[in-house]
C-alpha atoms as a PDB file:
ATOM      1  CA  MET A   1      30.190 163.800  -7.512  1.00  0.00           C
ATOM      2  CA  SER A   2      33.620 165.425  -7.790  1.00  0.00           C
ATOM      3  CA  SER A   3      36.700 164.006  -9.482  1.00  0.00           C
ATOM      4  CA  ILE A   4      38.244 163.413  -6.049  1.00  0.00           C
ATOM      5  CA  GLU A   5      35.250 161.379  -4.791  1.00  0.00           C
ATOM      6  CA  ASN A   6      34.980 159.247  -7.930  1.00  0.00           C
ATOM      7  CA  ILE A   7      38.367 157.890  -8.979  1.00  0.00           C
ATOM      8  CA  TYR A   8      36.997 156.823 -12.371  1.00  0.00           C
ATOM      9  CA  LYS A   9      35.581 160.210 -13.342  1.00  0.00           C
ATOM     10  CA  PRO A  10      37.795 161.987 -15.892  1.00  0.00           C
ATOM     11  CA  TYR A  11      38.438 165.631 -16.546  1.00  0.00           C
ATOM     12  CA  LEU A  12      36.991 167.092 -19.722  1.00  0.00           C
ATOM     13  CA  MET A  13      39.778 168.556 -21.854  1.00  0.00           C
ATOM     14  CA  ARG A  14      39.784 170.806 -24.896  1.00  0.00           C
ATOM     15  CA  VAL A  15      42.300 170.059 -27.644  1.00  0.00           C
ATOM     16  CA  GLU A  16      43.977 173.440 -27.940  1.00  0.00           C
ATOM     17  CA  LYS A  17      46.810 172.577 -30.323  1.00  0.00           C
ATOM     18  CA  ILE A  18      47.804 169.588 -32.461  1.00  0.00           C
ATOM     19  CA  THR A  19      51.375 169.059 -33.689  1.00  0.00           C
ATOM     20  CA  ASN A  20      52.262 166.380 -36.234  1.00  0.00           C
ATOM     21  CA  GLU A  21      55.587 165.032 -35.008  1.00  0.00           C
ATOM     22  CA  ALA A  22      56.332 162.041 -37.265  1.00  0.00           C
ATOM     23  CA  PRO A  23      54.365 159.535 -39.383  1.00  0.00           C
ATOM     24  CA  ASP A  24      51.231 158.671 -37.328  1.00  0.00           C
ATOM     25  CA  VAL A  25      52.640 160.496 -34.278  1.00  0.00           C
ATOM     26  CA  ARG A  26      50.859 163.562 -32.878  1.00  0.00           C
ATOM     27  CA  THR A  27      51.150 165.810 -29.845  1.00  0.00           C
ATOM     28  CA  PHE A  28      48.027 167.237 -28.228  1.00  0.00           C
ATOM     29  CA  ARG A  29      48.108 170.323 -26.034  1.00  0.00           C
ATOM     30  CA  LEU A  30      45.117 169.983 -23.709  1.00  0.00           C
ATOM     31  CA  LYS A  31      43.391 172.594 -21.562  1.00  0.00           C
ATOM     32  CA  PHE A  32      40.848 171.886 -18.846  1.00  0.00           C
ATOM     33  CA  ALA A  33      37.269 172.658 -19.863  1.00  0.00           C
ATOM     34  CA  ASN A  34      36.516 173.591 -16.239  1.00  0.00           C
ATOM     35  CA  PRO A  35      38.734 176.432 -14.890  1.00  0.00           C
ATOM     36  CA  GLU A  36      38.324 175.083 -11.337  1.00  0.00           C
ATOM     37  CA  ASP A  37      39.840 171.767 -12.431  1.00  0.00           C
ATOM     38  CA  ALA A  38      42.766 173.623 -13.988  1.00  0.00           C
ATOM     39  CA  ALA A  39      43.354 175.576 -10.788  1.00  0.00           C
ATOM     40  CA  SER A  40      43.407 172.493  -8.554  1.00  0.00           C
ATOM     41  CA  PHE A  41      45.342 170.139 -10.850  1.00  0.00           C
ATOM     42  CA  SER A  42      49.029 169.387 -10.307  1.00  0.00           C
ATOM     43  CA  PHE A  43      51.468 166.644 -11.246  1.00  0.00           C
ATOM     44  CA  LYS A  44      55.169 165.817 -11.194  1.00  0.00           C
ATOM     45  CA  ALA A  45      57.610 164.573 -13.819  1.00  0.00           C
ATOM     46  CA  GLY A  46      57.191 160.876 -14.533  1.00  0.00           C
ATOM     47  CA  GLN A  47      53.474 160.586 -13.855  1.00  0.00           C
ATOM     48  CA  PHE A  48      50.990 159.377 -16.447  1.00  0.00           C
ATOM     49  CA  GLY A  49      47.298 159.493 -17.252  1.00  0.00           C
ATOM     50  CA  GLU A  50      44.455 157.803 -19.108  1.00  0.00           C
ATOM     51  CA  TYR A  51      43.330 159.597 -22.269  1.00  0.00           C
ATOM     52  CA  SER A  52      40.029 158.773 -23.925  1.00  0.00           C
ATOM     53  CA  VAL A  53      37.453 159.546 -26.594  1.00  0.00           C
ATOM     54  CA  LEU A  54      33.845 158.966 -25.534  1.00  0.00           C
ATOM     55  CA  GLY A  55      32.717 155.489 -26.577  1.00  0.00           C
ATOM     56  CA  GLU A  56      36.171 154.354 -27.721  1.00  0.00           C
ATOM     57  CA  GLY A  57      37.961 153.487 -24.460  1.00  0.00           C
ATOM     58  CA  GLU A  58      41.173 154.713 -22.850  1.00  0.00           C
ATOM     59  CA  SER A  59      44.881 154.657 -23.648  1.00  0.00           C
ATOM     60  CA  THR A  60      47.743 155.118 -21.205  1.00  0.00           C
ATOM     61  CA  PHE A  61      50.347 157.793 -21.967  1.00  0.00           C
ATOM     62  CA  CYS A  62      52.778 159.782 -19.911  1.00  0.00           C
ATOM     63  CA  ILE A  63      52.207 163.463 -19.379  1.00  0.00           C
ATOM     64  CA  ALA A  64      54.738 164.735 -21.893  1.00  0.00           C
ATOM     65  CA  SER A  65      54.802 168.375 -20.774  1.00  0.00           C
ATOM     66  CA  ALA A  66      56.659 169.605 -17.710  1.00  0.00           C
ATOM     67  CA  PRO A  67      54.973 170.651 -14.456  1.00  0.00           C
ATOM     68  CA  THR A  68      56.894 173.909 -14.748  1.00  0.00           C
ATOM     69  CA  ARG A  69      54.750 174.746 -17.812  1.00  0.00           C
ATOM     70  CA  LYS A  70      51.402 175.817 -16.360  1.00  0.00           C
ATOM     71  CA  ASP A  71      47.798 175.952 -17.625  1.00  0.00           C
ATOM     72  CA  TYR A  72      47.987 172.911 -19.911  1.00  0.00           C
ATOM     73  CA  ILE A  73      49.205 169.354 -20.256  1.00  0.00           C
ATOM     74  CA  GLU A  74      50.489 167.596 -23.353  1.00  0.00           C
ATOM     75  CA  CYS A  75      50.516 164.019 -24.566  1.00  0.00           C
ATOM     76  CA  THR A  76      52.225 162.444 -27.563  1.00  0.00           C
ATOM     77  CA  PHE A  77      50.988 159.209 -29.102  1.00  0.00           C
ATOM     78  CA  ARG A  78      51.361 156.979 -32.136  1.00  0.00           C
ATOM     79  CA  ARG A  79      48.242 155.795 -33.977  1.00  0.00           C
ATOM     80  CA  VAL A  80      48.335 152.020 -33.503  1.00  0.00           C
ATOM     81  CA  GLY A  81      44.904 150.845 -32.296  1.00  0.00           C
ATOM     82  CA  LYS A  82      41.257 151.673 -31.695  1.00  0.00           C
ATOM     83  CA  VAL A  83      41.672 154.423 -29.115  1.00  0.00           C
ATOM     84  CA  THR A  84      44.678 156.127 -30.680  1.00  0.00           C
ATOM     85  CA  SER A  85      42.938 155.996 -34.067  1.00  0.00           C
ATOM     86  CA  ALA A  86      39.945 157.767 -32.529  1.00  0.00           C
ATOM     87  CA  LEU A  87      42.243 160.331 -30.918  1.00  0.00           C
ATOM     88  CA  SER A  88      43.914 160.923 -34.273  1.00  0.00           C
ATOM     89  CA  LYS A  89      40.578 161.967 -35.758  1.00  0.00           C
ATOM     90  CA  LEU A  90      40.131 164.798 -33.255  1.00  0.00           C
ATOM     91  CA  GLU A  91      40.692 168.359 -34.359  1.00  0.00           C
ATOM     92  CA  GLU A  92      41.685 171.503 -32.512  1.00  0.00           C
ATOM     93  CA  GLY A  93      38.748 172.683 -30.432  1.00  0.00           C
ATOM     94  CA  ASP A  94      37.332 169.188 -29.892  1.00  0.00           C
ATOM     95  CA  THR A  95      36.725 167.740 -26.424  1.00  0.00           C
ATOM     96  CA  MET A  96      38.215 164.548 -24.997  1.00  0.00           C
ATOM     97  CA  SER A  97      38.792 163.093 -21.535  1.00  0.00           C
ATOM     98  CA  PHE A  98      41.763 162.676 -19.211  1.00  0.00           C
ATOM     99  CA  ARG A  99      42.122 161.170 -15.774  1.00  0.00           C
ATOM    100  CA  GLY A 100      45.186 161.243 -13.613  1.00  0.00           C
ATOM    101  CA  PRO A 101      47.861 161.884 -12.638  1.00  0.00           C
ATOM    102  CA  TYR A 102      48.934 158.419 -11.554  1.00  0.00           C
ATOM    103  CA  GLY A 103      52.155 156.735 -10.576  1.00  0.00           C
ATOM    104  CA  ASN A 104      55.400 157.746  -8.940  1.00  0.00           C
ATOM    105  CA  ILE A 105      57.885 160.354 -10.115  1.00  0.00           C
ATOM    106  CA  PHE A 106      61.425 161.005 -11.227  1.00  0.00           C
ATOM    107  CA  PRO A 107      63.245 162.104  -8.040  1.00  0.00           C
ATOM    108  CA  ILE A 108      64.641 165.306  -9.517  1.00  0.00           C
ATOM    109  CA  GLU A 109      65.072 166.821  -6.054  1.00  0.00           C
ATOM    110  CA  ASP A 110      67.621 164.091  -5.317  1.00  0.00           C
ATOM    111  CA  TRP A 111      69.434 164.869  -8.574  1.00  0.00           C
ATOM    112  CA  LYS A 112      70.294 168.438  -7.678  1.00  0.00           C
ATOM    113  CA  GLY A 113      73.999 169.138  -8.143  1.00  0.00           C
ATOM    114  CA  LYS A 114      74.446 166.132 -10.432  1.00  0.00           C
ATOM    115  CA  ASN A 115      75.078 165.631 -14.138  1.00  0.00           C
ATOM    116  CA  LEU A 116      72.088 164.272 -16.077  1.00  0.00           C
ATOM    117  CA  LEU A 117      72.387 161.861 -18.992  1.00  0.00           C
ATOM    118  CA  TYR A 118      69.151 161.278 -20.926  1.00  0.00           C
ATOM    119  CA  ILE A 119      69.045 158.361 -23.389  1.00  0.00           C
ATOM    120  CA  ALA A 120      65.919 157.876 -25.501  1.00  0.00           C
ATOM    121  CA  GLY A 121      64.861 155.966 -28.586  1.00  0.00           C
ATOM    122  CA  GLY A 122      62.018 156.666 -31.019  1.00  0.00           C
ATOM    123  CA  ILE A 123      58.569 157.318 -29.566  1.00  0.00           C
ATOM    124  CA  ALA A 124      60.060 156.890 -26.075  1.00  0.00           C
ATOM    125  CA  LEU A 125      61.263 160.477 -26.048  1.00  0.00           C
ATOM    126  CA  PRO A 126      57.819 161.748 -24.879  1.00  0.00           C
ATOM    127  CA  PRO A 127      58.054 160.136 -21.400  1.00  0.00           C
ATOM    128  CA  MET A 128      61.490 161.716 -21.088  1.00  0.00           C
ATOM    129  CA  ARG A 129      60.503 165.110 -22.509  1.00  0.00           C
ATOM    130  CA  CYS A 130      58.607 165.945 -19.315  1.00  0.00           C
ATOM    131  CA  VAL A 131      61.595 165.468 -17.047  1.00  0.00           C
ATOM    132  CA  ILE A 132      64.025 167.007 -19.544  1.00  0.00           C
ATOM    133  CA  TRP A 133      62.065 170.264 -19.654  1.00  0.00           C
ATOM    134  CA  ASN A 134      61.484 170.107 -15.900  1.00  0.00           C
ATOM    135  CA  THR A 135      65.222 170.012 -15.213  1.00  0.00           C
ATOM    136  CA  VAL A 136      66.049 172.485 -18.004  1.00  0.00           C
ATOM    137  CA  ASP A 137      63.511 174.948 -16.568  1.00  0.00           C
ATOM    138  CA  LEU A 138      65.357 174.553 -13.253  1.00  0.00           C
ATOM    139  CA  ARG A 139      68.723 174.633 -15.015  1.00  0.00           C
ATOM    140  CA  GLN A 140      70.585 176.234 -12.099  1.00  0.00           C
ATOM    141  CA  ASP A 141      69.967 173.134  -9.965  1.00  0.00           C
ATOM    142  CA  TYR A 142      71.907 170.726 -12.192  1.00  0.00           C
ATOM    143  CA  LYS A 143      75.350 170.413 -13.706  1.00  0.00           C
ATOM    144  CA  ASP A 144      75.898 169.071 -17.234  1.00  0.00           C
ATOM    145  CA  ILE A 145      72.808 167.968 -19.156  1.00  0.00           C
ATOM    146  CA  THR A 146      73.396 165.540 -22.028  1.00  0.00           C
ATOM    147  CA  ILE A 147      70.686 164.097 -24.271  1.00  0.00           C
ATOM    148  CA  LEU A 148      71.244 161.135 -26.608  1.00  0.00           C
ATOM    149  CA  TYR A 149      68.247 160.521 -28.826  1.00  0.00           C
ATOM    150  CA  GLY A 150      67.887 158.080 -31.709  1.00  0.00           C
ATOM    151  CA  ALA A 151      65.229 156.845 -34.115  1.00  0.00           C
ATOM    152  CA  ARG A 152      64.979 154.462 -37.057  1.00  0.00           C
ATOM    153  CA  THR A 153      64.978 157.262 -39.631  1.00  0.00           C
ATOM    154  CA  VAL A 154      65.202 161.040 -39.734  1.00  0.00           C
ATOM    155  CA  ALA A 155      61.441 161.165 -40.371  1.00  0.00           C
ATOM    156  CA  ASP A 156      60.805 159.197 -37.153  1.00  0.00           C
ATOM    157  CA  LEU A 157      62.505 161.756 -34.904  1.00  0.00           C
ATOM    158  CA  VAL A 158      59.853 163.487 -32.785  1.00  0.00           C
ATOM    159  CA  TYR A 159      59.867 167.050 -31.399  1.00  0.00           C
ATOM    160  CA  LYS A 160      62.109 168.229 -34.250  1.00  0.00           C
ATOM    161  CA  HIS A 161      61.562 171.895 -33.335  1.00  0.00           C
ATOM    162  CA  GLU A 162      62.620 171.197 -29.746  1.00  0.00           C
ATOM    163  CA  LEU A 163      65.625 169.167 -30.849  1.00  0.00           C
ATOM    164  CA  GLN A 164      66.785 172.272 -32.706  1.00  0.00           C
ATOM    165  CA  GLU A 165      66.145 174.385 -29.608  1.00  0.00           C
ATOM    166  CA  TRP A 166      68.229 172.021 -27.487  1.00  0.00           C
ATOM    167  CA  THR A 167      70.957 172.059 -30.137  1.00  0.00           C
ATOM    168  CA  ASP A 168      71.083 175.837 -30.021  1.00  0.00           C
ATOM    169  CA  ARG A 169      71.347 176.014 -26.231  1.00  0.00           C
ATOM    170  CA  PRO A 170      74.932 176.253 -24.920  1.00  0.00           C
ATOM    171  CA  ASP A 171      73.943 174.607 -21.623  1.00  0.00           C
ATOM    172  CA  ILE A 172      72.717 171.351 -23.213  1.00  0.00           C
ATOM    173  CA  LYS A 173      74.666 168.745 -25.173  1.00  0.00           C
ATOM    174  CA  LEU A 174      72.387 166.980 -27.662  1.00  0.00           C
ATOM    175  CA  VAL A 175      73.491 164.000 -29.752  1.00  0.00           C
ATOM    176  CA  THR A 176      70.991 162.670 -32.295  1.00  0.00           C
ATOM    177  CA  THR A 177      71.377 159.469 -34.262  1.00  0.00           C
ATOM    178  CA  VAL A 178      69.447 157.367 -36.757  1.00  0.00           C
ATOM    179  CA  ASP A 179      69.791 153.688 -37.566  1.00  0.00           C
ATOM    180  CA  PRO A 180      72.064 152.751 -40.477  1.00  0.00           C
ATOM    181  CA  GLY A 181      70.117 153.404 -43.660  1.00  0.00           C
ATOM    182  CA  GLY A 182      67.786 155.882 -41.967  1.00  0.00           C
ATOM    183  CA  GLU A 183      69.795 158.984 -42.782  1.00  0.00           C
ATOM    184  CA  THR A 184      69.051 161.554 -45.480  1.00  0.00           C
ATOM    185  CA  PRO A 185      71.614 163.364 -47.691  1.00  0.00           C
ATOM    186  CA  ASP A 186      71.452 166.467 -45.482  1.00  0.00           C
ATOM    187  CA  TRP A 187      71.586 164.588 -42.138  1.00  0.00           C
ATOM    188  CA  LYS A 188      74.255 166.049 -39.853  1.00  0.00           C
ATOM    189  CA  GLY A 189      73.810 163.793 -36.823  1.00  0.00           C
ATOM    190  CA  GLU A 190      75.247 160.399 -35.983  1.00  0.00           C
ATOM    191  CA  VAL A 191      74.431 157.206 -37.854  1.00  0.00           C
ATOM    192  CA  GLY A 192      74.285 154.146 -35.633  1.00  0.00           C
ATOM    193  CA  PHE A 193      72.228 152.396 -32.990  1.00  0.00           C
ATOM    194  CA  VAL A 194      71.821 154.189 -29.663  1.00  0.00           C
ATOM    195  CA  PRO A 195      73.925 151.723 -27.589  1.00  0.00           C
ATOM    196  CA  THR A 196      76.776 151.960 -30.127  1.00  0.00           C
ATOM    197  CA  VAL A 197      76.718 155.758 -30.105  1.00  0.00           C
ATOM    198  CA  LEU A 198      76.556 155.771 -26.301  1.00  0.00           C
ATOM    199  CA  GLU A 199      79.670 153.603 -26.091  1.00  0.00           C
ATOM    200  CA  LYS A 200      81.396 155.932 -28.551  1.00  0.00           C
ATOM    201  CA  MET A 201      80.442 158.966 -26.446  1.00  0.00           C
ATOM    202  CA  ALA A 202      81.733 157.264 -23.280  1.00  0.00           C
ATOM    203  CA  PRO A 203      80.141 159.725 -20.818  1.00  0.00           C
ATOM    204  CA  SER A 204      81.584 159.812 -17.312  1.00  0.00           C
ATOM    205  CA  SER A 205      79.552 158.104 -14.609  1.00  0.00           C
ATOM    206  CA  GLU A 206      81.008 160.327 -11.888  1.00  0.00           C
ATOM    207  CA  ASN A 207      78.256 162.285 -10.130  1.00  0.00           C
ATOM    208  CA  THR A 208      75.921 161.406 -13.023  1.00  0.00           C
ATOM    209  CA  VAL A 209      72.404 160.020 -13.203  1.00  0.00           C
ATOM    210  CA  ALA A 210      71.315 158.158 -16.357  1.00  0.00           C
ATOM    211  CA  ILE A 211      67.686 158.152 -17.479  1.00  0.00           C
ATOM    212  CA  VAL A 212      66.859 155.582 -20.179  1.00  0.00           C
ATOM    213  CA  CYS A 213      63.658 155.079 -22.144  1.00  0.00           C
ATOM    214  CA  GLY A 214      63.146 153.290 -25.432  1.00  0.00           C
ATOM    215  CA  PRO A 215      62.148 150.077 -27.174  1.00  0.00           C
ATOM    216  CA  PRO A 216      62.970 146.939 -25.146  1.00  0.00           C
ATOM    217  CA  VAL A 217      65.779 145.931 -27.510  1.00  0.00           C
ATOM    218  CA  MET A 218      67.403 149.348 -27.148  1.00  0.00           C
ATOM    219  CA  ILE A 219      67.192 149.205 -23.370  1.00  0.00           C
ATOM    220  CA  LYS A 220      68.505 145.635 -23.356  1.00  0.00           C
ATOM    221  CA  PHE A 221      71.726 146.656 -25.104  1.00  0.00           C
ATOM    222  CA  THR A 222      72.049 150.092 -23.469  1.00  0.00           C
ATOM    223  CA  LEU A 223      72.042 148.992 -19.832  1.00  0.00           C
ATOM    224  CA  PRO A 224      75.209 146.841 -20.129  1.00  0.00           C
ATOM    225  CA  ILE A 225      77.005 149.781 -21.750  1.00  0.00           C
ATOM    226  CA  LEU A 226      76.082 152.002 -18.803  1.00  0.00           C
ATOM    227  CA  SER A 227      77.303 149.346 -16.372  1.00  0.00           C
ATOM    228  CA  LYS A 228      80.525 149.052 -18.368  1.00  0.00           C
ATOM    229  CA  LEU A 229      80.961 152.826 -18.078  1.00  0.00           C
ATOM    230  CA  GLY A 230      80.681 152.563 -14.300  1.00  0.00           C
ATOM    231  CA  PHE A 231      77.086 153.628 -13.661  1.00  0.00           C
ATOM    232  CA  LYS A 232      75.605 152.094 -10.525  1.00  0.00           C
ATOM    233  CA  ASP A 233      72.232 150.321 -10.766  1.00  0.00           C
ATOM    234  CA  GLU A 234      70.654 152.829  -8.379  1.00  0.00           C
ATOM    235  CA  ASP A 235      71.778 155.714 -10.626  1.00  0.00           C
ATOM    236  CA  ILE A 236      70.051 154.335 -13.736  1.00  0.00           C
ATOM    237  CA  PHE A 237      66.351 155.209 -14.102  1.00  0.00           C
ATOM    238  CA  THR A 238      63.723 154.142 -16.606  1.00  0.00           C
ATOM    239  CA  THR A 239      59.945 154.348 -16.970  1.00  0.00           C
ATOM    240  CA  LEU A 240      57.590 151.493 -17.879  1.00  0.00           C
ATOM    241  CA  GLU A 241      54.247 152.165 -19.551  1.00  0.00           C
ATOM    242  CA  ASN A 242      53.191 149.321 -21.789  1.00  0.00           C
ATOM    243  CA  ARG A 243      51.503 147.176 -19.119  1.00  0.00           C
ATOM    244  CA  MET A 244      49.172 149.705 -17.466  1.00  0.00           C
ATOM    245  CA  LYS A 245      45.414 150.074 -17.904  1.00  0.00           C
ATOM    246  CA  CYS A 246      43.337 151.292 -14.929  1.00  0.00           C
ATOM    247  CA  GLY A 247      45.982 153.522 -13.360  1.00  0.00           C
ATOM    248  CA  PHE A 248      45.576 152.637  -9.698  1.00  0.00           C
ATOM    249  CA  GLY A 249      46.108 148.904  -9.209  1.00  0.00           C
ATOM    250  CA  LYS A 250      42.515 147.672  -9.549  1.00  0.00           C
ATOM    251  CA  CYS A 251      42.636 145.676 -12.788  1.00  0.00           C
ATOM    252  CA  GLY A 252      45.881 143.815 -12.079  1.00  0.00           C
ATOM    253  CA  ARG A 253      47.058 144.024 -15.670  1.00  0.00           C
ATOM    254  CA  CYS A 254      50.383 145.613 -14.716  1.00  0.00           C
ATOM    255  CA  ASN A 255      51.083 143.289 -11.791  1.00  0.00           C
ATOM    256  CA  VAL A 256      54.616 141.847 -11.880  1.00  0.00           C
ATOM    257  CA  GLY A 257      55.493 139.732  -8.870  1.00  0.00           C
ATOM    258  CA  LYS A 258      54.635 141.893  -5.861  1.00  0.00           C
ATOM    259  CA  VAL A 259      54.767 145.114  -7.878  1.00  0.00           C
ATOM    260  CA  PHE A 260      51.976 147.069  -9.577  1.00  0.00           C
ATOM    261  CA  VAL A 261      53.667 149.146 -12.260  1.00  0.00           C
ATOM    262  CA  CYS A 262      50.943 151.828 -12.104  1.00  0.00           C
ATOM    263  CA  LYS A 263      51.292 152.333  -8.340  1.00  0.00           C
ATOM    264  CA  ASP A 264      54.887 151.360  -7.601  1.00  0.00           C
ATOM    265  CA  GLY A 265      56.088 152.823 -10.907  1.00  0.00           C
ATOM    266  CA  PRO A 266      56.192 153.675 -13.712  1.00  0.00           C
ATOM    267  CA  VAL A 267      59.611 155.055 -12.717  1.00  0.00           C
ATOM    268  CA  PHE A 268      62.092 152.410 -11.571  1.00  0.00           C
ATOM    269  CA  THR A 269      65.824 152.213 -11.030  1.00  0.00           C
ATOM    270  CA  LEU A 270      67.763 149.363 -12.575  1.00  0.00           C
ATOM    271  CA  ALA A 271      68.331 148.081  -9.047  1.00  0.00           C
ATOM    272  CA  GLN A 272      64.549 147.842  -8.565  1.00  0.00           C
ATOM    273  CA  LEU A 273      64.012 146.166 -11.941  1.00  0.00           C
ATOM    274  CA  LYS A 274      66.510 143.472 -11.040  1.00  0.00           C
ATOM    275  CA  GLU A 275      64.251 142.515  -8.122  1.00  0.00           C
ATOM    276  CA  LEU A 276      61.308 141.775 -10.441  1.00  0.00           C
ATOM    277  CA  PRO A 277      60.648 138.218 -11.717  1.00  0.00           C
ATOM    278  CA  GLN A 278      63.206 137.268 -14.336  1.00  0.00           C
ATOM    279  CA  GLU A 279      60.595 136.631 -17.055  1.00  0.00           C
ATOM    280  CA  TYR A 280      59.617 140.306 -16.980  1.00  0.00           C
END
């Protein structure tokens, strides 16, 4: 039975490259074991998948690489439980499983000709990395690209090599920050919480889309700042991941009111989030 006929059947993937990003945080570059699967597979920025080790279960992560980068997909995860602990034990050359892609997408076609403001905190940069690289690879389609990224400490910043690459590019403005007390003697970035640094930056909301992803407390205090700066609810996007399990609305775990996050999301505008039950 093919992957298309059986929605639960995963692809077999080979771990081609492992990058240690931060304490207990790793990035896997995965290649399809079957060349025919690689040839037929496609996805768009914002979609996610289920990653698994045989006998250990599945974990939900975004696809952290961009669809403009062919022949592989990447995922970034923190070791926090049974499945991610099993994934952390894998080595380059080992085989694991992936099924997907699932979910909706960031509407980057609608963003053409606009300024893009990316705001991320901690391990939430991976869901945003996909769409950042997607729009950077199509750089001619967008105006100013600004990235604000913060973490608790310098050690907790992920994709350090890519942060340097973005810093060196004249067509990207990158602002990095760490929480007070998280800096090192040679730290040259900002020191402060992401919402505070955002307010200090005071980016213009004119012809600008804001994409926000981070811990709930960061998002809670960032959204009012964006509203204060004049961003409309429909121009603020985020992605939700922490409630999904099966990937296609069968288990009901991600059900919120009339919405299934895995099918109707994980990408939502602030306007859409405000329609969800208040307790969410």
